[in-house]
PDB file of N, CA and C in Angstrom:
ATOM      1  N   UNK A   1      86.188 154.002 100.258  1.00  0.00           N
ATOM      2  CA  UNK A   1      84.722 154.841 100.240  1.00  0.00           C
ATOM      3  C   UNK A   1      83.725 154.334 101.175  1.00  0.00           C
ATOM      4  N   UNK A   2      83.871 152.733 101.369  1.00  0.00           N
ATOM      5  CA  UNK A   2      82.543 152.764 101.665  1.00  0.00           C
ATOM      6  C   UNK A   2      82.804 152.579 103.494  1.00  0.00           C
ATOM      7  N   UNK A   3      83.817 152.861 104.161  1.00  0.00           N
ATOM      8  CA  UNK A   3      84.197 152.832 105.610  1.00  0.00           C
ATOM      9  C   UNK A   3      84.140 154.551 105.836  1.00  0.00           C
ATOM     10  N   UNK A   4      84.051 155.574 104.862  1.00  0.00           N
ATOM     11  CA  UNK A   4      83.807 156.521 105.122  1.00  0.00           C
ATOM     12  C   UNK A   4      82.435 157.471 105.292  1.00  0.00           C
ATOM     13  N   UNK A   5      81.516 156.200 105.043  1.00  0.00           N
ATOM     14  CA  UNK A   5      80.208 156.005 105.074  1.00  0.00           C
ATOM     15  C   UNK A   5      79.348 155.338 106.127  1.00  0.00           C
ATOM     16  N   UNK A   6      78.961 155.642 107.295  1.00  0.00           N
ATOM     17  CA  UNK A   6      78.781 154.776 108.280  1.00  0.00           C
ATOM     18  C   UNK A   6      77.424 154.283 107.637  1.00  0.00           C
ATOM     19  N   UNK A   7      76.813 152.905 108.001  1.00  0.00           N
ATOM     20  CA  UNK A   7      75.774 152.416 107.792  1.00  0.00           C
ATOM     21  C   UNK A   7      75.727 152.097 106.182  1.00  0.00           C
ATOM     22  N   UNK A   8      76.700 152.243 105.358  1.00  0.00           N
ATOM     23  CA  UNK A   8      76.228 152.108 103.589  1.00  0.00           C
ATOM     24  C   UNK A   8      76.058 150.460 103.576  1.00  0.00           C
ATOM     25  N   UNK A   9      75.973 149.659 102.979  1.00  0.00           N
ATOM     26  CA  UNK A   9      76.282 148.026 102.951  1.00  0.00           C
ATOM     27  C   UNK A   9      76.794 148.654 101.534  1.00  0.00           C
ATOM     28  N   UNK A  10      77.724 147.413 101.069  1.00  0.00           N
ATOM     29  CA  UNK A  10      78.431 147.276  99.798  1.00  0.00           C
ATOM     30  C   UNK A  10      77.448 147.313  98.683  1.00  0.00           C
ATOM     31  N   UNK A  11      76.450 146.313  98.935  1.00  0.00           N
ATOM     32  CA  UNK A  11      75.261 146.627  97.979  1.00  0.00           C
ATOM     33  C   UNK A  11      74.993 147.609  97.832  1.00  0.00           C
ATOM     34  N   UNK A  12      74.650 148.726  98.313  1.00  0.00           N
ATOM     35  CA  UNK A  12      73.857 149.984  98.333  1.00  0.00           C
ATOM     36  C   UNK A  12      74.760 150.885  97.752  1.00  0.00           C
ATOM     37  N   UNK A  13      76.362 150.776  98.045  1.00  0.00           N
ATOM     38  CA  UNK A  13      76.949 151.776  97.731  1.00  0.00           C
ATOM     39  C   UNK A  13      77.126 151.403  96.360  1.00  0.00           C
ATOM     40  N   UNK A  14      77.204 150.001  96.050  1.00  0.00           N
ATOM     41  CA  UNK A  14      77.670 149.866  94.398  1.00  0.00           C
ATOM     42  C   UNK A  14      76.512 150.296  93.391  1.00  0.00           C
ATOM     43  N   UNK A  15      75.202 150.143  94.271  1.00  0.00           N
ATOM     44  CA  UNK A  15      73.908 150.673  93.552  1.00  0.00           C
ATOM     45  C   UNK A  15      73.833 152.639  92.986  1.00  0.00           C
ATOM     46  N   UNK A  16      74.580 152.958  94.346  1.00  0.00           N
ATOM     47  CA  UNK A  16      74.369 154.393  94.271  1.00  0.00           C
ATOM     48  C   UNK A  16      75.622 154.994  93.253  1.00  0.00           C
ATOM     49  N   UNK A  17      76.541 154.199  92.917  1.00  0.00           N
ATOM     50  CA  UNK A  17      77.822 154.419  92.137  1.00  0.00           C
ATOM     51  C   UNK A  17      77.004 154.318  90.817  1.00  0.00           C
ATOM     52  N   UNK A  18      76.713 153.482  90.256  1.00  0.00           N
ATOM     53  CA  UNK A  18      76.196 152.897  89.252  1.00  0.00           C
ATOM     54  C   UNK A  18      74.947 153.746  88.604  1.00  0.00           C
ATOM     55  N   UNK A  19      74.341 154.324  89.577  1.00  0.00           N
ATOM     56  CA  UNK A  19      73.094 155.696  89.285  1.00  0.00           C
ATOM     57  C   UNK A  19      73.864 156.530  89.145  1.00  0.00           C
ATOM     58  N   UNK A  20      74.653 157.026  89.591  1.00  0.00           N
ATOM     59  CA  UNK A  20      75.995 158.153  89.792  1.00  0.00           C
ATOM     60  C   UNK A  20      76.502 158.010  88.304  1.00  0.00           C
ATOM     61  N   UNK A  21      77.016 157.400  88.059  1.00  0.00           N
ATOM     62  CA  UNK A  21      77.874 156.736  86.510  1.00  0.00           C
ATOM     63  C   UNK A  21      76.481 157.220  85.357  1.00  0.00           C
ATOM     64  N   UNK A  22      75.451 156.440  86.043  1.00  0.00           N
ATOM     65  CA  UNK A  22      74.449 156.712  84.419  1.00  0.00           C
ATOM     66  C   UNK A  22      73.975 157.810  84.695  1.00  0.00           C
ATOM     67  N   UNK A  23      73.593 158.851  85.467  1.00  0.00           N
ATOM     68  CA  UNK A  23      73.457 160.279  85.598  1.00  0.00           C
ATOM     69  C   UNK A  23      74.450 161.379  85.234  1.00  0.00           C
ATOM     70  N   UNK A  24      75.795 160.721  84.875  1.00  0.00           N
ATOM     71  CA  UNK A  24      76.698 161.506  84.614  1.00  0.00           C
ATOM     72  C   UNK A  24      77.136 162.078  85.445  1.00  0.00           C
ATOM     73  N   UNK A  25      77.094 161.991  86.664  1.00  0.00           N
ATOM     74  CA  UNK A  25      77.851 162.426  87.745  1.00  0.00           C
ATOM     75  C   UNK A  25      79.033 161.891  88.380  1.00  0.00           C
ATOM     76  N   UNK A  26      79.710 160.747  87.884  1.00  0.00           N
ATOM     77  CA  UNK A  26      80.586 160.069  88.074  1.00  0.00           C
ATOM     78  C   UNK A  26      81.588 159.636  87.025  1.00  0.00           C
ATOM     79  N   UNK A  27      82.732 159.292  86.993  1.00  0.00           N
ATOM     80  CA  UNK A  27      83.134 158.573  86.007  1.00  0.00           C
ATOM     81  C   UNK A  27      84.129 157.500  86.504  1.00  0.00           C
ATOM     82  N   UNK A  28      83.823 156.722  86.145  1.00  0.00           N
ATOM     83  CA  UNK A  28      84.184 155.243  86.577  1.00  0.00           C
ATOM     84  C   UNK A  28      85.111 154.695  85.789  1.00  0.00           C
ATOM     85  N   UNK A  29      86.529 154.569  86.351  1.00  0.00           N
ATOM     86  CA  UNK A  29      87.957 153.941  85.784  1.00  0.00           C
ATOM     87  C   UNK A  29      88.317 152.522  86.410  1.00  0.00           C
ATOM     88  N   UNK A  30      88.592 151.596  85.771  1.00  0.00           N
ATOM     89  CA  UNK A  30      88.801 150.227  86.205  1.00  0.00           C
ATOM     90  C   UNK A  30      90.393 149.981  85.844  1.00  0.00           C
ATOM     91  N   UNK A  31      91.096 149.825  86.073  1.00  0.00           N
ATOM     92  CA  UNK A  31      92.692 149.436  86.711  1.00  0.00           C
ATOM     93  C   UNK A  31      93.073 147.861  86.596  1.00  0.00           C
ATOM     94  N   UNK A  32      93.338 147.071  85.415  1.00  0.00           N
ATOM     95  CA  UNK A  32      93.526 145.882  85.741  1.00  0.00           C
ATOM     96  C   UNK A  32      94.691 145.277  86.382  1.00  0.00           C
ATOM     97  N   UNK A  33      94.617 145.352  87.778  1.00  0.00           N
ATOM     98  CA  UNK A  33      95.913 145.317  88.409  1.00  0.00           C
ATOM     99  C   UNK A  33      95.087 144.021  89.063  1.00  0.00           C
ATOM    100  N   UNK A  34      96.074 143.470  90.123  1.00  0.00           N
ATOM    101  CA  UNK A  34      95.712 142.360  91.112  1.00  0.00           C
ATOM    102  C   UNK A  34      95.912 142.775  92.518  1.00  0.00           C
ATOM    103  N   UNK A  35      94.412 143.370  93.425  1.00  0.00           N
ATOM    104  CA  UNK A  35      93.427 143.253  92.668  1.00  0.00           C
ATOM    105  C   UNK A  35      92.820 144.257  91.915  1.00  0.00           C
ATOM    106  N   UNK A  36      91.808 144.208  91.332  1.00  0.00           N
ATOM    107  CA  UNK A  36      91.333 145.276  90.779  1.00  0.00           C
ATOM    108  C   UNK A  36      90.770 146.790  91.328  1.00  0.00           C
ATOM    109  N   UNK A  37      91.609 147.366  90.835  1.00  0.00           N
ATOM    110  CA  UNK A  37      91.596 148.501  91.208  1.00  0.00           C
ATOM    111  C   UNK A  37      90.503 149.444  90.398  1.00  0.00           C
ATOM    112  N   UNK A  38      89.532 150.171  91.236  1.00  0.00           N
ATOM    113  CA  UNK A  38      88.239 150.980  90.695  1.00  0.00           C
ATOM    114  C   UNK A  38      88.195 151.897  91.279  1.00  0.00           C
ATOM    115  N   UNK A  39      88.544 153.469  90.454  1.00  0.00           N
ATOM    116  CA  UNK A  39      88.529 154.706  90.513  1.00  0.00           C
ATOM    117  C   UNK A  39      87.183 155.323  90.593  1.00  0.00           C
ATOM    118  N   UNK A  40      86.811 156.212  90.699  1.00  0.00           N
ATOM    119  CA  UNK A  40      85.567 156.937  90.869  1.00  0.00           C
ATOM    120  C   UNK A  40      85.715 158.462  90.957  1.00  0.00           C
ATOM    121  N   UNK A  41      85.471 159.581  90.040  1.00  0.00           N
ATOM    122  CA  UNK A  41      85.726 160.627  89.966  1.00  0.00           C
ATOM    123  C   UNK A  41      84.606 161.831  89.768  1.00  0.00           C
ATOM    124  N   UNK A  42      84.218 162.544  90.268  1.00  0.00           N
ATOM    125  CA  UNK A  42      83.171 163.684  89.716  1.00  0.00           C
ATOM    126  C   UNK A  42      83.248 164.076  88.503  1.00  0.00           C
ATOM    127  N   UNK A  43      82.209 164.270  87.405  1.00  0.00           N
ATOM    128  CA  UNK A  43      82.733 164.653  86.342  1.00  0.00           C
ATOM    129  C   UNK A  43      82.575 166.312  86.117  1.00  0.00           C
ATOM    130  N   UNK A  44      82.421 166.922  85.283  1.00  0.00           N
ATOM    131  CA  UNK A  44      82.572 168.068  85.296  1.00  0.00           C
ATOM    132  C   UNK A  44      81.499 169.436  85.101  1.00  0.00           C
ATOM    133  N   UNK A  45      80.338 168.200  84.604  1.00  0.00           N
ATOM    134  CA  UNK A  45      78.958 168.058  84.664  1.00  0.00           C
ATOM    135  C   UNK A  45      78.410 168.309  86.450  1.00  0.00           C
ATOM    136  N   UNK A  46      78.851 167.326  87.262  1.00  0.00           N
ATOM    137  CA  UNK A  46      78.667 167.044  88.376  1.00  0.00           C
ATOM    138  C   UNK A  46      79.278 168.376  89.037  1.00  0.00           C
ATOM    139  N   UNK A  47      80.429 168.699  89.186  1.00  0.00           N
ATOM    140  CA  UNK A  47      81.141 170.100  89.458  1.00  0.00           C
ATOM    141  C   UNK A  47      80.226 171.329  89.427  1.00  0.00           C
ATOM    142  N   UNK A  48      79.436 171.168  88.287  1.00  0.00           N
ATOM    143  CA  UNK A  48      78.142 172.634  87.997  1.00  0.00           C
ATOM    144  C   UNK A  48      77.446 172.529  89.459  1.00  0.00           C
ATOM    145  N   UNK A  49      77.295 171.222  90.282  1.00  0.00           N
ATOM    146  CA  UNK A  49      76.387 171.114  91.028  1.00  0.00           C
ATOM    147  C   UNK A  49      76.899 172.070  92.582  1.00  0.00           C
ATOM    148  N   UNK A  50      78.084 172.209  92.451  1.00  0.00           N
ATOM    149  CA  UNK A  50      78.684 172.809  94.166  1.00  0.00           C
ATOM    150  C   UNK A  50      78.257 174.115  94.098  1.00  0.00           C
ATOM    151  N   UNK A  51      77.315 174.819  93.480  1.00  0.00           N
ATOM    152  CA  UNK A  51      76.958 176.009  94.149  1.00  0.00           C
ATOM    153  C   UNK A  51      75.817 176.171  94.453  1.00  0.00           C
ATOM    154  N   UNK A  52      74.858 175.320  94.011  1.00  0.00           N
ATOM    155  CA  UNK A  52      73.912 174.906  94.541  1.00  0.00           C
ATOM    156  C   UNK A  52      73.946 174.282  95.824  1.00  0.00           C
ATOM    157  N   UNK A  53      75.213 173.445  95.941  1.00  0.00           N
ATOM    158  CA  UNK A  53      74.908 172.554  96.723  1.00  0.00           C
ATOM    159  C   UNK A  53      75.556 173.808  98.282  1.00  0.00           C
ATOM    160  N   UNK A  54      76.627 174.576  97.952  1.00  0.00           N
ATOM    161  CA  UNK A  54      77.290 175.765  98.514  1.00  0.00           C
ATOM    162  C   UNK A  54      76.028 176.425  99.274  1.00  0.00           C
ATOM    163  N   UNK A  55      75.056 177.121  98.854  1.00  0.00           N
ATOM    164  CA  UNK A  55      74.090 177.793  98.649  1.00  0.00           C
ATOM    165  C   UNK A  55      72.954 176.920  99.720  1.00  0.00           C
ATOM    166  N   UNK A  56      72.854 175.704  99.489  1.00  0.00           N
ATOM    167  CA  UNK A  56      72.152 174.842 100.301  1.00  0.00           C
ATOM    168  C   UNK A  56      72.608 174.684 101.466  1.00  0.00           C
ATOM    169  N   UNK A  57      73.640 174.910 101.799  1.00  0.00           N
ATOM    170  CA  UNK A  57      74.379 174.918 103.153  1.00  0.00           C
ATOM    171  C   UNK A  57      74.157 175.898 103.780  1.00  0.00           C
ATOM    172  N   UNK A  58      75.025 177.207 103.075  1.00  0.00           N
ATOM    173  CA  UNK A  58      74.501 178.077 103.626  1.00  0.00           C
ATOM    174  C   UNK A  58      73.145 178.426 103.938  1.00  0.00           C
ATOM    175  N   UNK A  59      72.030 178.158 103.482  1.00  0.00           N
ATOM    176  CA  UNK A  59      70.657 177.835 103.752  1.00  0.00           C
ATOM    177  C   UNK A  59      70.452 177.267 105.341  1.00  0.00           C
ATOM    178  N   UNK A  60      71.099 176.214 105.265  1.00  0.00           N
ATOM    179  CA  UNK A  60      70.651 175.266 106.134  1.00  0.00           C
ATOM    180  C   UNK A  60      71.398 175.912 107.580  1.00  0.00           C
ATOM    181  N   UNK A  61      72.662 176.695 107.314  1.00  0.00           N
ATOM    182  CA  UNK A  61      73.103 177.376 108.570  1.00  0.00           C
ATOM    183  C   UNK A  61      72.288 178.087 109.396  1.00  0.00           C
ATOM    184  N   UNK A  62      71.949 179.145 107.891  1.00  0.00           N
ATOM    185  CA  UNK A  62      70.950 180.196 108.884  1.00  0.00           C
ATOM    186  C   UNK A  62      69.454 179.728 109.130  1.00  0.00           C
ATOM    187  N   UNK A  63      69.020 178.599 108.554  1.00  0.00           N
ATOM    188  CA  UNK A  63      67.802 178.071 108.997  1.00  0.00           C
ATOM    189  C   UNK A  63      67.934 177.982 110.523  1.00  0.00           C
ATOM    190  N   UNK A  64      69.343 176.752 110.768  1.00  0.00           N
ATOM    191  CA  UNK A  64      69.257 176.571 112.417  1.00  0.00           C
ATOM    192  C   UNK A  64      69.179 177.660 113.419  1.00  0.00           C
ATOM    193  N   UNK A  65      70.056 178.757 113.073  1.00  0.00           N
ATOM    194  CA  UNK A  65      70.235 179.769 113.595  1.00  0.00           C
ATOM    195  C   UNK A  65      68.897 180.133 113.936  1.00  0.00           C
ATOM    196  N   UNK A  66      67.868 180.421 112.840  1.00  0.00           N
ATOM    197  CA  UNK A  66      66.262 180.563 113.242  1.00  0.00           C
ATOM    198  C   UNK A  66      65.699 179.688 114.422  1.00  0.00           C
ATOM    199  N   UNK A  67      65.977 178.759 113.821  1.00  0.00           N
ATOM    200  CA  UNK A  67      65.577 177.632 115.144  1.00  0.00           C
ATOM    201  C   UNK A  67      65.863 177.729 116.290  1.00  0.00           C
ATOM    202  N   UNK A  68      66.787 177.537 116.507  1.00  0.00           N
ATOM    203  CA  UNK A  68      67.657 177.893 117.599  1.00  0.00           C
ATOM    204  C   UNK A  68      67.558 178.949 118.554  1.00  0.00           C
ATOM    205  N   UNK A  69      67.080 179.972 118.075  1.00  0.00           N
ATOM    206  CA  UNK A  69      66.847 181.317 118.667  1.00  0.00           C
ATOM    207  C   UNK A  69      65.136 181.293 118.821  1.00  0.00           C
ATOM    208  N   UNK A  70      64.358 180.594 118.402  1.00  0.00           N
ATOM    209  CA  UNK A  70      63.184 180.638 118.497  1.00  0.00           C
ATOM    210  C   UNK A  70      62.655 180.115 119.876  1.00  0.00           C
TER     211      UNK A  70
END
């Protein structure tokens, strides 16, 4: 996950994931393997936010057209 987010530090990613877990946005599962495997997945509650994000993306695309045409 860390490699897929340019410029993020391990410390910042860890903090953000802990905050997201505390806010019921992700579920953390620890597998007792060697090395330890930790898996994060979005919660059902988090998935309800998808429609809002989709609308924000659509708005952003339309806004970009307005800016480019101006």
